[in-house]
């Protein structure tokens, strides 16, 4: 399973999260405006969008 949002096909985010591509992008934008990366500490291995996808996907499994 690929978790990189940038490398997904159009159908994959919807099957994982129930959100369409534009809805996912809108969510990522809104979250970024609330709490952007502050640049402190160790840098993340995943992009911000991929971290959002990871949290959404983990809540779908539970």
PDB file of N, CA and C in Angstrom:
ATOM      1  N   UNK A   1       0.832  -1.174   0.000  1.00  0.00           N
ATOM      2  CA  UNK A   1       0.000   0.000   0.000  1.00  0.00           C
ATOM      3  C   UNK A   1       0.879   1.240   0.000  1.00  0.00           C
ATOM      4  N   UNK A   2       0.605   2.141  -0.929  1.00  0.00           N
ATOM      5  CA  UNK A   2       1.329   3.408  -0.977  1.00  0.00           C
ATOM      6  C   UNK A   2       0.577   4.432  -0.139  1.00  0.00           C
ATOM      7  N   UNK A   3       1.300   5.168   0.667  1.00  0.00           N
ATOM      8  CA  UNK A   3       0.643   6.180   1.481  1.00  0.00           C
ATOM      9  C   UNK A   3       1.033   7.586   1.055  1.00  0.00           C
ATOM     10  N   UNK A   4       1.781   7.722  -0.007  1.00  0.00           N
ATOM     11  CA  UNK A   4       2.166   9.046  -0.468  1.00  0.00           C
ATOM     12  C   UNK A   4       1.036   9.643  -1.280  1.00  0.00           C
ATOM     13  N   UNK A   5       0.443  10.720  -0.773  1.00  0.00           N
ATOM     14  CA  UNK A   5      -0.706  11.346  -1.418  1.00  0.00           C
ATOM     15  C   UNK A   5      -0.359  11.838  -2.814  1.00  0.00           C
ATOM     16  N   UNK A   6       0.849  12.307  -2.995  1.00  0.00           N
ATOM     17  CA  UNK A   6       1.263  12.827  -4.297  1.00  0.00           C
ATOM     18  C   UNK A   6       1.355  11.722  -5.348  1.00  0.00           C
ATOM     19  N   UNK A   7       1.518  10.477  -4.928  1.00  0.00           N
ATOM     20  CA  UNK A   7       1.688   9.360  -5.862  1.00  0.00           C
ATOM     21  C   UNK A   7       0.423   8.525  -6.019  1.00  0.00           C
ATOM     22  N   UNK A   8      -0.680   8.954  -5.426  1.00  0.00           N
ATOM     23  CA  UNK A   8      -1.932   8.198  -5.468  1.00  0.00           C
ATOM     24  C   UNK A   8      -2.659   8.403  -6.789  1.00  0.00           C
ATOM     25  N   UNK A   9      -3.422   7.397  -7.164  1.00  0.00           N
ATOM     26  CA  UNK A   9      -4.365   7.587  -8.255  1.00  0.00           C
ATOM     27  C   UNK A   9      -5.567   8.331  -7.691  1.00  0.00           C
ATOM     28  N   UNK A  10      -6.439   8.813  -8.543  1.00  0.00           N
ATOM     29  CA  UNK A  10      -7.581   9.609  -8.097  1.00  0.00           C
ATOM     30  C   UNK A  10      -8.535   8.805  -7.215  1.00  0.00           C
ATOM     31  N   UNK A  11      -8.632   7.503  -7.432  1.00  0.00           N
ATOM     32  CA  UNK A  11      -9.595   6.684  -6.683  1.00  0.00           C
ATOM     33  C   UNK A  11      -9.071   6.242  -5.320  1.00  0.00           C
ATOM     34  N   UNK A  12      -7.768   6.194  -5.135  1.00  0.00           N
ATOM     35  CA  UNK A  12      -7.222   5.668  -3.886  1.00  0.00           C
ATOM     36  C   UNK A  12      -7.580   6.492  -2.646  1.00  0.00           C
ATOM     37  N   UNK A  13      -7.423   7.816  -2.650  1.00  0.00           N
ATOM     38  CA  UNK A  13      -7.798   8.552  -1.430  1.00  0.00           C
ATOM     39  C   UNK A  13      -9.272   8.372  -1.065  1.00  0.00           C
ATOM     40  N   UNK A  14     -10.125   8.298  -2.073  1.00  0.00           N
ATOM     41  CA  UNK A  14     -11.555   8.112  -1.790  1.00  0.00           C
ATOM     42  C   UNK A  14     -11.816   6.739  -1.175  1.00  0.00           C
ATOM     43  N   UNK A  15     -11.129   5.715  -1.661  1.00  0.00           N
ATOM     44  CA  UNK A  15     -11.335   4.381  -1.095  1.00  0.00           C
ATOM     45  C   UNK A  15     -10.760   4.271   0.316  1.00  0.00           C
ATOM     46  N   UNK A  16      -9.703   5.023   0.618  1.00  0.00           N
ATOM     47  CA  UNK A  16      -9.092   4.972   1.948  1.00  0.00           C
ATOM     48  C   UNK A  16      -9.837   5.830   2.951  1.00  0.00           C
ATOM     49  N   UNK A  17     -10.340   7.011   2.511  1.00  0.00           N
ATOM     50  CA  UNK A  17     -10.849   8.004   3.450  1.00  0.00           C
ATOM     51  C   UNK A  17     -12.315   8.373   3.238  1.00  0.00           C
ATOM     52  N   UNK A  18     -12.854   8.118   2.076  1.00  0.00           N
ATOM     53  CA  UNK A  18     -14.197   8.572   1.753  1.00  0.00           C
ATOM     54  C   UNK A  18     -14.217   9.992   1.214  1.00  0.00           C
ATOM     55  N   UNK A  19     -13.060  10.628   1.122  1.00  0.00           N
ATOM     56  CA  UNK A  19     -12.951  11.998   0.602  1.00  0.00           C
ATOM     57  C   UNK A  19     -12.437  11.972  -0.829  1.00  0.00           C
ATOM     58  N   UNK A  20     -12.965  12.866  -1.663  1.00  0.00           N
ATOM     59  CA  UNK A  20     -12.442  12.995  -3.020  1.00  0.00           C
ATOM     60  C   UNK A  20     -11.110  13.741  -2.954  1.00  0.00           C
ATOM     61  N   UNK A  21     -10.381  13.748  -4.053  1.00  0.00           N
ATOM     62  CA  UNK A  21      -9.106  14.455  -4.117  1.00  0.00           C
ATOM     63  C   UNK A  21      -9.224  15.925  -3.755  1.00  0.00           C
ATOM     64  N   UNK A  22     -10.167  16.668  -4.363  1.00  0.00           N
ATOM     65  CA  UNK A  22     -10.323  18.079  -4.001  1.00  0.00           C
ATOM     66  C   UNK A  22     -10.723  18.284  -2.536  1.00  0.00           C
ATOM     67  N   UNK A  23     -11.544  17.396  -2.002  1.00  0.00           N
ATOM     68  CA  UNK A  23     -11.925  17.503  -0.593  1.00  0.00           C
ATOM     69  C   UNK A  23     -10.712  17.291   0.314  1.00  0.00           C
ATOM     70  N   UNK A  24      -9.872  16.330  -0.067  1.00  0.00           N
ATOM     71  CA  UNK A  24      -8.661  16.057   0.715  1.00  0.00           C
ATOM     72  C   UNK A  24      -7.722  17.259   0.675  1.00  0.00           C
ATOM     73  N   UNK A  25      -7.551  17.845  -0.513  1.00  0.00           N
ATOM     74  CA  UNK A  25      -6.686  19.023  -0.639  1.00  0.00           C
ATOM     75  C   UNK A  25      -7.227  20.187   0.189  1.00  0.00           C
ATOM     76  N   UNK A  26      -8.537  20.367   0.192  1.00  0.00           N
ATOM     77  CA  UNK A  26      -9.161  21.432   0.969  1.00  0.00           C
ATOM     78  C   UNK A  26      -8.926  21.206   2.468  1.00  0.00           C
ATOM     79  N   UNK A  27      -9.075  19.977   2.922  1.00  0.00           N
ATOM     80  CA  UNK A  27      -8.832  19.643   4.321  1.00  0.00           C
ATOM     81  C   UNK A  27      -7.391  19.930   4.714  1.00  0.00           C
ATOM     82  N   UNK A  28      -6.453  19.505   3.876  1.00  0.00           N
ATOM     83  CA  UNK A  28      -5.035  19.741   4.152  1.00  0.00           C
ATOM     84  C   UNK A  28      -4.763  21.240   4.229  1.00  0.00           C
ATOM     85  N   UNK A  29      -5.344  22.005   3.319  1.00  0.00           N
ATOM     86  CA  UNK A  29      -5.173  23.460   3.330  1.00  0.00           C
ATOM     87  C   UNK A  29      -5.707  24.074   4.609  1.00  0.00           C
ATOM     88  N   UNK A  30      -6.889  23.664   5.022  1.00  0.00           N
ATOM     89  CA  UNK A  30      -7.482  24.206   6.244  1.00  0.00           C
ATOM     90  C   UNK A  30      -6.650  23.860   7.471  1.00  0.00           C
ATOM     91  N   UNK A  31      -6.173  22.632   7.549  1.00  0.00           N
ATOM     92  CA  UNK A  31      -5.353  22.234   8.685  1.00  0.00           C
ATOM     93  C   UNK A  31      -4.020  22.973   8.699  1.00  0.00           C
ATOM     94  N   UNK A  32      -3.434  23.187   7.533  1.00  0.00           N
ATOM     95  CA  UNK A  32      -2.168  23.906   7.443  1.00  0.00           C
ATOM     96  C   UNK A  32      -2.333  25.343   7.957  1.00  0.00           C
ATOM     97  N   UNK A  33      -3.458  25.966   7.634  1.00  0.00           N
ATOM     98  CA  UNK A  33      -3.706  27.330   8.095  1.00  0.00           C
ATOM     99  C   UNK A  33      -3.858  27.390   9.610  1.00  0.00           C
ATOM    100  N   UNK A  34      -4.386  26.328  10.208  1.00  0.00           N
ATOM    101  CA  UNK A  34      -4.545  26.287  11.657  1.00  0.00           C
ATOM    102  C   UNK A  34      -3.223  26.052  12.380  1.00  0.00           C
ATOM    103  N   UNK A  35      -2.421  25.153  11.878  1.00  0.00           N
ATOM    104  CA  UNK A  35      -1.188  24.771  12.564  1.00  0.00           C
ATOM    105  C   UNK A  35      -0.098  24.388  11.564  1.00  0.00           C
ATOM    106  N   UNK A  36       0.555  25.352  10.929  1.00  0.00           N
ATOM    107  CA  UNK A  36       1.629  25.007  10.004  1.00  0.00           C
ATOM    108  C   UNK A  36       2.836  24.450  10.758  1.00  0.00           C
ATOM    109  N   UNK A  37       3.715  23.781  10.050  1.00  0.00           N
ATOM    110  CA  UNK A  37       4.950  23.299  10.661  1.00  0.00           C
ATOM    111  C   UNK A  37       5.736  24.492  11.175  1.00  0.00           C
ATOM    112  N   UNK A  38       6.130  24.420  12.413  1.00  0.00           N
ATOM    113  CA  UNK A  38       6.838  25.543  13.027  1.00  0.00           C
ATOM    114  C   UNK A  38       8.330  25.522  12.713  1.00  0.00           C
ATOM    115  N   UNK A  39       8.826  24.408  12.209  1.00  0.00           N
ATOM    116  CA  UNK A  39      10.240  24.327  11.856  1.00  0.00           C
ATOM    117  C   UNK A  39      11.133  23.989  13.035  1.00  0.00           C
ATOM    118  N   UNK A  40      10.550  23.585  14.137  1.00  0.00           N
ATOM    119  CA  UNK A  40      11.360  23.228  15.300  1.00  0.00           C
ATOM    120  C   UNK A  40      11.506  21.717  15.364  1.00  0.00           C
ATOM    121  N   UNK A  41      12.593  21.287  15.937  1.00  0.00           N
ATOM    122  CA  UNK A  41      12.801  19.860  16.151  1.00  0.00           C
ATOM    123  C   UNK A  41      13.207  19.118  14.882  1.00  0.00           C
ATOM    124  N   UNK A  42      13.143  17.831  14.976  1.00  0.00           N
ATOM    125  CA  UNK A  42      13.539  16.969  13.865  1.00  0.00           C
ATOM    126  C   UNK A  42      12.518  17.068  12.738  1.00  0.00           C
ATOM    127  N   UNK A  43      13.000  17.102  11.515  1.00  0.00           N
ATOM    128  CA  UNK A  43      12.083  17.208  10.377  1.00  0.00           C
ATOM    129  C   UNK A  43      11.347  15.883  10.160  1.00  0.00           C
ATOM    130  N   UNK A  44      10.149  15.992   9.617  1.00  0.00           N
ATOM    131  CA  UNK A  44       9.313  14.830   9.371  1.00  0.00           C
ATOM    132  C   UNK A  44       9.772  14.090   8.119  1.00  0.00           C
ATOM    133  N   UNK A  45       9.609  12.774   8.119  1.00  0.00           N
ATOM    134  CA  UNK A  45       9.900  11.980   6.933  1.00  0.00           C
ATOM    135  C   UNK A  45       8.753  12.073   5.938  1.00  0.00           C
ATOM    136  N   UNK A  46       7.541  12.292   6.442  1.00  0.00           N
ATOM    137  CA  UNK A  46       6.368  12.416   5.585  1.00  0.00           C
ATOM    138  C   UNK A  46       5.999  13.883   5.412  1.00  0.00           C
ATOM    139  N   UNK A  47       5.426  14.199   4.268  1.00  0.00           N
ATOM    140  CA  UNK A  47       4.937  15.559   4.047  1.00  0.00           C
ATOM    141  C   UNK A  47       3.717  15.808   4.919  1.00  0.00           C
ATOM    142  N   UNK A  48       3.315  17.062   5.053  1.00  0.00           N
ATOM    143  CA  UNK A  48       2.147  17.404   5.867  1.00  0.00           C
ATOM    144  C   UNK A  48       0.899  16.701   5.335  1.00  0.00           C
ATOM    145  N   UNK A  49       0.705  16.698   4.022  1.00  0.00           N
ATOM    146  CA  UNK A  49      -0.462  16.040   3.424  1.00  0.00           C
ATOM    147  C   UNK A  49      -0.467  14.540   3.714  1.00  0.00           C
ATOM    148  N   UNK A  50       0.702  13.923   3.677  1.00  0.00           N
ATOM    149  CA  UNK A  50       0.791  12.494   3.961  1.00  0.00           C
ATOM    150  C   UNK A  50       0.507  12.199   5.435  1.00  0.00           C
ATOM    151  N   UNK A  51       0.897  13.103   6.320  1.00  0.00           N
ATOM    152  CA  UNK A  51       0.594  12.922   7.742  1.00  0.00           C
ATOM    153  C   UNK A  51      -0.910  13.032   7.991  1.00  0.00           C
ATOM    154  N   UNK A  52      -1.577  13.963   7.303  1.00  0.00           N
ATOM    155  CA  UNK A  52      -3.031  14.082   7.423  1.00  0.00           C
ATOM    156  C   UNK A  52      -3.689  12.799   6.928  1.00  0.00           C
ATOM    157  N   UNK A  53      -3.238  12.301   5.786  1.00  0.00           N
ATOM    158  CA  UNK A  53      -3.775  11.044   5.243  1.00  0.00           C
ATOM    159  C   UNK A  53      -3.557   9.891   6.209  1.00  0.00           C
ATOM    160  N   UNK A  54      -2.412   9.832   6.836  1.00  0.00           N
ATOM    161  CA  UNK A  54      -2.096   8.778   7.796  1.00  0.00           C
ATOM    162  C   UNK A  54      -3.063   8.804   8.984  1.00  0.00           C
ATOM    163  N   UNK A  55      -3.343   9.994   9.510  1.00  0.00           N
ATOM    164  CA  UNK A  55      -4.258  10.109  10.645  1.00  0.00           C
ATOM    165  C   UNK A  55      -5.664   9.716  10.230  1.00  0.00           C
ATOM    166  N   UNK A  56      -6.110  10.176   9.076  1.00  0.00           N
ATOM    167  CA  UNK A  56      -7.463   9.821   8.605  1.00  0.00           C
ATOM    168  C   UNK A  56      -7.569   8.321   8.385  1.00  0.00           C
ATOM    169  N   UNK A  57      -6.576   7.735   7.745  1.00  0.00           N
ATOM    170  CA  UNK A  57      -6.611   6.299   7.469  1.00  0.00           C
ATOM    171  C   UNK A  57      -6.561   5.483   8.754  1.00  0.00           C
ATOM    172  N   UNK A  58      -5.811   5.952   9.744  1.00  0.00           N
ATOM    173  CA  UNK A  58      -5.729   5.205  11.001  1.00  0.00           C
ATOM    174  C   UNK A  58      -7.056   5.250  11.754  1.00  0.00           C
ATOM    175  N   UNK A  59      -7.798   6.328  11.648  1.00  0.00           N
ATOM    176  CA  UNK A  59      -9.099   6.407  12.301  1.00  0.00           C
ATOM    177  C   UNK A  59     -10.144   5.563  11.577  1.00  0.00           C
ATOM    178  N   UNK A  60      -9.960   5.350  10.291  1.00  0.00           N
ATOM    179  CA  UNK A  60     -10.879   4.509   9.527  1.00  0.00           C
ATOM    180  C   UNK A  60     -10.721   3.046   9.938  1.00  0.00           C
ATOM    181  N   UNK A  61      -9.516   2.631  10.297  1.00  0.00           N
ATOM    182  CA  UNK A  61      -9.238   1.241  10.646  1.00  0.00           C
ATOM    183  C   UNK A  61      -9.772   0.911  12.017  1.00  0.00           C
ATOM    184  N   UNK A  62      -9.669   1.840  12.951  1.00  0.00           N
ATOM    185  CA  UNK A  62     -10.051   1.596  14.338  1.00  0.00           C
ATOM    186  C   UNK A  62     -11.498   1.495  14.500  1.00  0.00           C
TER     187      UNK A  62
END
